[in-house]
PDB file of N, CA and C in Angstrom:
ATOM      1  N   MET A   1      -3.443-130.776   0.039  1.00  0.00           N
ATOM      2  CA  MET A   1      -3.917-129.436   0.300  1.00  0.00           C
ATOM      3  C   MET A   1      -5.261-129.459   1.026  1.00  0.00           C
ATOM      4  N   ARG A   2      -6.121-130.347   0.624  1.00  0.00           N
ATOM      5  CA  ARG A   2      -7.447-130.417   1.205  1.00  0.00           C
ATOM      6  C   ARG A   2      -7.397-130.793   2.694  1.00  0.00           C
ATOM      7  N   ILE A   3      -6.536-131.726   3.056  1.00  0.00           N
ATOM      8  CA  ILE A   3      -6.430-132.122   4.460  1.00  0.00           C
ATOM      9  C   ILE A   3      -5.918-130.953   5.297  1.00  0.00           C
ATOM     10  N   ARG A   4      -4.926-130.233   4.770  1.00  0.00           N
ATOM     11  CA  ARG A   4      -4.397-129.101   5.522  1.00  0.00           C
ATOM     12  C   ARG A   4      -5.458-128.050   5.769  1.00  0.00           C
ATOM     13  N   GLY A   5      -6.269-127.731   4.738  1.00  0.00           N
ATOM     14  CA  GLY A   5      -7.332-126.742   4.900  1.00  0.00           C
ATOM     15  C   GLY A   5      -8.358-127.191   5.925  1.00  0.00           C
ATOM     16  N   THR A   6      -8.738-128.445   5.865  1.00  0.00           N
ATOM     17  CA  THR A   6      -9.689-128.994   6.827  1.00  0.00           C
ATOM     18  C   THR A   6      -9.085-128.991   8.220  1.00  0.00           C
ATOM     19  N   ARG A   7      -7.837-129.394   8.315  1.00  0.00           N
ATOM     20  CA  ARG A   7      -7.157-129.419   9.609  1.00  0.00           C
ATOM     21  C   ARG A   7      -7.117-128.017  10.215  1.00  0.00           C
ATOM     22  N   ARG A   8      -6.822-127.021   9.403  1.00  0.00           N
ATOM     23  CA  ARG A   8      -6.726-125.650   9.889  1.00  0.00           C
ATOM     24  C   ARG A   8      -8.090-125.148  10.374  1.00  0.00           C
ATOM     25  N   ARG A   9      -9.142-125.423   9.608  1.00  0.00           N
ATOM     26  CA  ARG A   9     -10.471-124.940   9.964  1.00  0.00           C
ATOM     27  C   ARG A   9     -11.055-125.650  11.177  1.00  0.00           C
ATOM     28  N   ARG A  10     -10.778-126.913  11.339  1.00  0.00           N
ATOM     29  CA  ARG A  10     -11.399-127.694  12.412  1.00  0.00           C
ATOM     30  C   ARG A  10     -10.455-127.989  13.571  1.00  0.00           C
ATOM     31  N   GLY A  11      -9.245-127.545  13.493  1.00  0.00           N
ATOM     32  CA  GLY A  11      -8.314-127.728  14.591  1.00  0.00           C
ATOM     33  C   GLY A  11      -7.779-129.140  14.753  1.00  0.00           C
ATOM     34  N   PHE A  12      -7.724-129.905  13.671  1.00  0.00           N
ATOM     35  CA  PHE A  12      -7.140-131.242  13.755  1.00  0.00           C
ATOM     36  C   PHE A  12      -5.643-131.130  13.975  1.00  0.00           C
ATOM     37  N   ASP A  13      -5.115-132.061  14.748  1.00  0.00           N
ATOM     38  CA  ASP A  13      -3.684-132.090  14.998  1.00  0.00           C
ATOM     39  C   ASP A  13      -2.941-132.478  13.727  1.00  0.00           C
ATOM     40  N   ARG A  14      -3.378-133.576  13.101  1.00  0.00           N
ATOM     41  CA  ARG A  14      -2.790-134.019  11.842  1.00  0.00           C
ATOM     42  C   ARG A  14      -3.725-135.041  11.222  1.00  0.00           C
ATOM     43  N   GLY A  15      -3.516-135.319   9.969  1.00  0.00           N
ATOM     44  CA  GLY A  15      -4.366-136.304   9.313  1.00  0.00           C
ATOM     45  C   GLY A  15      -3.656-136.934   8.142  1.00  0.00           C
ATOM     46  N   PHE A  16      -4.066-138.136   7.787  1.00  0.00           N
ATOM     47  CA  PHE A  16      -3.517-138.802   6.625  1.00  0.00           C
ATOM     48  C   PHE A  16      -4.509-139.850   6.153  1.00  0.00           C
ATOM     49  N   VAL A  17      -4.330-140.269   4.945  1.00  0.00           N
ATOM     50  CA  VAL A  17      -5.227-141.240   4.326  1.00  0.00           C
ATOM     51  C   VAL A  17      -4.584-142.619   4.357  1.00  0.00           C
ATOM     52  N   VAL A  18      -5.363-143.639   4.684  1.00  0.00           N
ATOM     53  CA  VAL A  18      -4.917-145.023   4.626  1.00  0.00           C
ATOM     54  C   VAL A  18      -5.639-145.667   3.458  1.00  0.00           C
ATOM     55  N   SER A  19      -4.952-146.414   2.665  1.00  0.00           N
ATOM     56  CA  SER A  19      -5.519-147.041   1.480  1.00  0.00           C
ATOM     57  C   SER A  19      -6.748-147.875   1.797  1.00  0.00           C
ATOM     58  N   ASP A  20      -7.722-147.796   0.905  1.00  0.00           N
ATOM     59  CA  ASP A  20      -8.916-148.623   1.060  1.00  0.00           C
ATOM     60  C   ASP A  20      -8.632-150.076   0.698  1.00  0.00           C
ATOM     61  N   HIS A  21      -7.416-150.370   0.271  1.00  0.00           N
ATOM     62  CA  HIS A  21      -7.039-151.745  -0.055  1.00  0.00           C
ATOM     63  C   HIS A  21      -6.250-152.408   1.074  1.00  0.00           C
ATOM     64  N   ALA A  22      -6.142-151.712   2.205  1.00  0.00           N
ATOM     65  CA  ALA A  22      -5.448-152.292   3.351  1.00  0.00           C
ATOM     66  C   ALA A  22      -6.305-153.398   3.953  1.00  0.00           C
ATOM     67  N   ASP A  23      -5.660-154.405   4.508  1.00  0.00           N
ATOM     68  CA  ASP A  23      -6.413-155.489   5.139  1.00  0.00           C
ATOM     69  C   ASP A  23      -6.792-155.107   6.571  1.00  0.00           C
ATOM     70  N   TRP A  24      -7.712-155.872   7.148  1.00  0.00           N
ATOM     71  CA  TRP A  24      -8.226-155.582   8.491  1.00  0.00           C
ATOM     72  C   TRP A  24      -7.108-155.510   9.528  1.00  0.00           C
ATOM     73  N   PRO A  25      -6.229-156.518   9.634  1.00  0.00           N
ATOM     74  CA  PRO A  25      -5.147-156.421  10.623  1.00  0.00           C
ATOM     75  C   PRO A  25      -4.244-155.211  10.374  1.00  0.00           C
ATOM     76  N   GLY A  26      -4.017-154.882   9.105  1.00  0.00           N
ATOM     77  CA  GLY A  26      -3.187-153.728   8.779  1.00  0.00           C
ATOM     78  C   GLY A  26      -3.826-152.415   9.206  1.00  0.00           C
ATOM     79  N   LEU A  27      -5.141-152.297   9.014  1.00  0.00           N
ATOM     80  CA  LEU A  27      -5.851-151.086   9.448  1.00  0.00           C
ATOM     81  C   LEU A  27      -5.769-150.934  10.966  1.00  0.00           C
ATOM     82  N   LEU A  28      -6.040-152.020  11.673  1.00  0.00           N
ATOM     83  CA  LEU A  28      -6.007-151.955  13.139  1.00  0.00           C
ATOM     84  C   LEU A  28      -4.607-151.656  13.654  1.00  0.00           C
ATOM     85  N   ARG A  29      -3.596-152.276  13.047  1.00  0.00           N
ATOM     86  CA  ARG A  29      -2.208-152.025  13.445  1.00  0.00           C
ATOM     87  C   ARG A  29      -1.848-150.552  13.215  1.00  0.00           C
ATOM     88  N   THR A  30      -2.267-150.002  12.094  1.00  0.00           N
ATOM     89  CA  THR A  30      -1.977-148.598  11.790  1.00  0.00           C
ATOM     90  C   THR A  30      -2.614-147.676  12.809  1.00  0.00           C
ATOM     91  N   VAL A  31      -3.863-147.942  13.174  1.00  0.00           N
ATOM     92  CA  VAL A  31      -4.531-147.114  14.185  1.00  0.00           C
ATOM     93  C   VAL A  31      -3.773-147.196  15.502  1.00  0.00           C
ATOM     94  N   ARG A  32      -3.407-148.392  15.923  1.00  0.00           N
ATOM     95  CA  ARG A  32      -2.671-148.561  17.184  1.00  0.00           C
ATOM     96  C   ARG A  32      -1.311-147.868  17.141  1.00  0.00           C
ATOM     97  N   GLU A  33      -0.550-148.110  16.065  1.00  0.00           N
ATOM     98  CA  GLU A  33       0.817-147.587  15.989  1.00  0.00           C
ATOM     99  C   GLU A  33       0.868-146.070  15.869  1.00  0.00           C
ATOM    100  N   THR A  34      -0.142-145.462  15.276  1.00  0.00           N
ATOM    101  CA  THR A  34      -0.154-144.008  15.153  1.00  0.00           C
ATOM    102  C   THR A  34      -0.658-143.333  16.416  1.00  0.00           C
ATOM    103  N   GLY A  35      -1.335-144.114  17.274  1.00  0.00           N
ATOM    104  CA  GLY A  35      -1.915-143.517  18.473  1.00  0.00           C
ATOM    105  C   GLY A  35      -3.105-142.636  18.163  1.00  0.00           C
ATOM    106  N   ALA A  36      -3.751-142.891  17.038  1.00  0.00           N
ATOM    107  CA  ALA A  36      -4.903-142.078  16.624  1.00  0.00           C
ATOM    108  C   ALA A  36      -5.960-142.059  17.717  1.00  0.00           C
ATOM    109  N   GLN A  37      -6.450-140.878  18.020  1.00  0.00           N
ATOM    110  CA  GLN A  37      -7.513-140.743  19.008  1.00  0.00           C
ATOM    111  C   GLN A  37      -8.870-140.663  18.335  1.00  0.00           C
ATOM    112  N   ARG A  38      -8.868-140.333  17.041  1.00  0.00           N
ATOM    113  CA  ARG A  38     -10.118-140.232  16.280  1.00  0.00           C
ATOM    114  C   ARG A  38      -9.886-140.774  14.879  1.00  0.00           C
ATOM    115  N   VAL A  39     -10.817-141.597  14.409  1.00  0.00           N
ATOM    116  CA  VAL A  39     -10.741-142.178  13.070  1.00  0.00           C
ATOM    117  C   VAL A  39     -12.061-141.934  12.361  1.00  0.00           C
ATOM    118  N   LEU A  40     -11.982-141.421  11.131  1.00  0.00           N
ATOM    119  CA  LEU A  40     -13.167-141.215  10.300  1.00  0.00           C
ATOM    120  C   LEU A  40     -13.087-142.191   9.140  1.00  0.00           C
ATOM    121  N   ALA A  41     -14.068-143.081   9.047  1.00  0.00           N
ATOM    122  CA  ALA A  41     -14.078-144.121   8.013  1.00  0.00           C
ATOM    123  C   ALA A  41     -15.003-143.684   6.878  1.00  0.00           C
ATOM    124  N   THR A  42     -14.492-143.747   5.649  1.00  0.00           N
ATOM    125  CA  THR A  42     -15.256-143.237   4.514  1.00  0.00           C
ATOM    126  C   THR A  42     -15.952-144.288   3.680  1.00  0.00           C
ATOM    127  N   HIS A  43     -15.405-145.492   3.568  1.00  0.00           N
ATOM    128  CA  HIS A  43     -16.075-146.528   2.783  1.00  0.00           C
ATOM    129  C   HIS A  43     -15.524-147.906   3.120  1.00  0.00           C
ATOM    130  N   GLY A  44     -15.963-148.892   2.399  1.00  0.00           N
ATOM    131  CA  GLY A  44     -15.606-150.260   2.759  1.00  0.00           C
ATOM    132  C   GLY A  44     -16.575-150.729   3.832  1.00  0.00           C
ATOM    133  N   HIS A  45     -16.130-151.580   4.706  1.00  0.00           N
ATOM    134  CA  HIS A  45     -16.958-152.057   5.817  1.00  0.00           C
ATOM    135  C   HIS A  45     -16.817-151.083   6.979  1.00  0.00           C
ATOM    136  N   ARG A  46     -17.169-149.835   6.716  1.00  0.00           N
ATOM    137  CA  ARG A  46     -16.898-148.771   7.674  1.00  0.00           C
ATOM    138  C   ARG A  46     -17.666-148.914   8.976  1.00  0.00           C
ATOM    139  N   GLU A  47     -18.917-149.379   8.931  1.00  0.00           N
ATOM    140  CA  GLU A  47     -19.672-149.532  10.172  1.00  0.00           C
ATOM    141  C   GLU A  47     -19.024-150.570  11.082  1.00  0.00           C
ATOM    142  N   ALA A  48     -18.549-151.658  10.495  1.00  0.00           N
ATOM    143  CA  ALA A  48     -17.874-152.693  11.289  1.00  0.00           C
ATOM    144  C   ALA A  48     -16.568-152.146  11.874  1.00  0.00           C
ATOM    145  N   LEU A  49     -15.819-151.391  11.069  1.00  0.00           N
ATOM    146  CA  LEU A  49     -14.565-150.815  11.557  1.00  0.00           C
ATOM    147  C   LEU A  49     -14.831-149.838  12.690  1.00  0.00           C
ATOM    148  N   VAL A  50     -15.808-148.969  12.498  1.00  0.00           N
ATOM    149  CA  VAL A  50     -16.144-147.974  13.519  1.00  0.00           C
ATOM    150  C   VAL A  50     -16.563-148.663  14.812  1.00  0.00           C
ATOM    151  N   ARG A  51     -17.430-149.658  14.721  1.00  0.00           N
ATOM    152  CA  ARG A  51     -17.887-150.383  15.910  1.00  0.00           C
ATOM    153  C   ARG A  51     -16.706-151.050  16.629  1.00  0.00           C
ATOM    154  N   HIS A  52     -15.835-151.694  15.865  1.00  0.00           N
ATOM    155  CA  HIS A  52     -14.681-152.354  16.479  1.00  0.00           C
ATOM    156  C   HIS A  52     -13.766-151.341  17.171  1.00  0.00           C
ATOM    157  N   LEU A  53     -13.469-150.243  16.500  1.00  0.00           N
ATOM    158  CA  LEU A  53     -12.578-149.249  17.091  1.00  0.00           C
ATOM    159  C   LEU A  53     -13.164-148.665  18.368  1.00  0.00           C
ATOM    160  N   ARG A  54     -14.460-148.408  18.367  1.00  0.00           N
ATOM    161  CA  ARG A  54     -15.110-147.857  19.563  1.00  0.00           C
ATOM    162  C   ARG A  54     -15.116-148.868  20.709  1.00  0.00           C
ATOM    163  N   GLU A  55     -15.591-150.083  20.421  1.00  0.00           N
ATOM    164  CA  GLU A  55     -15.830-151.064  21.472  1.00  0.00           C
ATOM    165  C   GLU A  55     -14.566-151.784  21.947  1.00  0.00           C
ATOM    166  N   THR A  56     -13.649-152.055  21.037  1.00  0.00           N
ATOM    167  CA  THR A  56     -12.477-152.855  21.389  1.00  0.00           C
ATOM    168  C   THR A  56     -11.227-152.017  21.617  1.00  0.00           C
ATOM    169  N   GLU A  57     -11.046-150.998  20.795  1.00  0.00           N
ATOM    170  CA  GLU A  57      -9.811-150.208  20.866  1.00  0.00           C
ATOM    171  C   GLU A  57      -9.972-148.916  21.670  1.00  0.00           C
ATOM    172  N   GLY A  58     -11.209-148.536  21.992  1.00  0.00           N
ATOM    173  CA  GLY A  58     -11.443-147.304  22.743  1.00  0.00           C
ATOM    174  C   GLY A  58     -11.153-146.040  21.956  1.00  0.00           C
ATOM    175  N   VAL A  59     -11.291-146.107  20.633  1.00  0.00           N
ATOM    176  CA  VAL A  59     -11.002-144.973  19.754  1.00  0.00           C
ATOM    177  C   VAL A  59     -12.305-144.264  19.396  1.00  0.00           C
ATOM    178  N   ASP A  60     -12.287-142.947  19.376  1.00  0.00           N
ATOM    179  CA  ASP A  60     -13.425-142.164  18.902  1.00  0.00           C
ATOM    180  C   ASP A  60     -13.470-142.330  17.387  1.00  0.00           C
ATOM    181  N   ALA A  61     -14.426-143.084  16.888  1.00  0.00           N
ATOM    182  CA  ALA A  61     -14.511-143.371  15.455  1.00  0.00           C
ATOM    183  C   ALA A  61     -15.906-143.064  14.951  1.00  0.00           C
ATOM    184  N   ALA A  62     -15.995-142.658  13.680  1.00  0.00           N
ATOM    185  CA  ALA A  62     -17.294-142.348  13.081  1.00  0.00           C
ATOM    186  C   ALA A  62     -17.231-142.581  11.579  1.00  0.00           C
ATOM    187  N   PRO A  63     -18.355-143.015  10.991  1.00  0.00           N
ATOM    188  CA  PRO A  63     -18.426-143.101   9.535  1.00  0.00           C
ATOM    189  C   PRO A  63     -18.753-141.710   8.988  1.00  0.00           C
ATOM    190  N   ILE A  64     -18.195-141.372   7.846  1.00  0.00           N
ATOM    191  CA  ILE A  64     -18.539-140.098   7.215  1.00  0.00           C
ATOM    192  C   ILE A  64     -18.866-140.352   5.747  1.00  0.00           C
ATOM    193  N   GLY A  65     -19.573-139.421   5.130  1.00  0.00           N
ATOM    194  CA  GLY A  65     -19.935-139.538   3.727  1.00  0.00           C
ATOM    195  C   GLY A  65     -21.329-140.105   3.561  1.00  0.00           C
ATOM    196  N   ALA A  66     -21.686-140.344   2.315  1.00  0.00           N
ATOM    197  CA  ALA A  66     -23.018-140.853   1.998  1.00  0.00           C
ATOM    198  C   ALA A  66     -23.187-142.277   2.503  1.00  0.00           C
ATOM    199  N   PRO A  67     -24.405-142.621   2.959  1.00  0.00           N
ATOM    200  CA  PRO A  67     -24.649-144.003   3.376  1.00  0.00           C
ATOM    201  C   PRO A  67     -24.416-144.957   2.232  1.00  0.00           C
ATOM    202  N   GLN A  68     -23.951-146.137   2.548  1.00  0.00           N
ATOM    203  CA  GLN A  68     -23.663-147.128   1.531  1.00  0.00           C
ATOM    204  C   GLN A  68     -24.853-148.049   1.323  1.00  0.00           C
ATOM    205  N   PRO A  69     -25.119-148.433   0.073  1.00  0.00           N
ATOM    206  CA  PRO A  69     -26.203-149.390  -0.174  1.00  0.00           C
ATOM    207  C   PRO A  69     -25.817-150.747   0.401  1.00  0.00           C
ATOM    208  N   PRO A  70     -26.822-151.571   0.755  1.00  0.00           N
ATOM    209  CA  PRO A  70     -26.509-152.889   1.283  1.00  0.00           C
ATOM    210  C   PRO A  70     -25.759-153.745   0.261  1.00  0.00           C
ATOM    211  N   ASP A  71     -24.906-154.592   0.763  1.00  0.00           N
ATOM    212  CA  ASP A  71     -24.146-155.509  -0.085  1.00  0.00           C
ATOM    213  C   ASP A  71     -25.072-156.622  -0.548  1.00  0.00           C
ATOM    214  N   PRO A  72     -25.237-156.815  -1.857  1.00  0.00           N
ATOM    215  CA  PRO A  72     -26.157-157.845  -2.350  1.00  0.00           C
ATOM    216  C   PRO A  72     -25.736-159.268  -1.967  1.00  0.00           C
ATOM    217  N   GLU A  73     -24.453-159.456  -1.643  1.00  0.00           N
ATOM    218  CA  GLU A  73     -23.965-160.770  -1.254  1.00  0.00           C
ATOM    219  C   GLU A  73     -23.991-160.965   0.265  1.00  0.00           C
ATOM    220  N   GLY A  74     -24.377-159.903   0.979  1.00  0.00           N
ATOM    221  CA  GLY A  74     -24.464-160.005   2.429  1.00  0.00           C
ATOM    222  C   GLY A  74     -23.144-159.950   3.162  1.00  0.00           C
ATOM    223  N   ASP A  75     -22.084-159.474   2.513  1.00  0.00           N
ATOM    224  CA  ASP A  75     -20.770-159.381   3.157  1.00  0.00           C
ATOM    225  C   ASP A  75     -20.668-158.123   3.984  1.00  0.00           C
TER     226      ASP A  75
END
């Protein structure tokens, strides 16, 4: 319901959620296979995903939500 309301208010064509447990190749394959023109990353290594999608895949991507604290292990 929430995606539909957001889609209606902002004029999104369609939207869906991809599991945060998906692996990197799986995320990239999903973006390619869906033909997504815009990707909003909410957590995980979102800055790395956004940078890769912009620079390598040519996708309009952005991180959304609260900034994440640095990883204490440096990952």
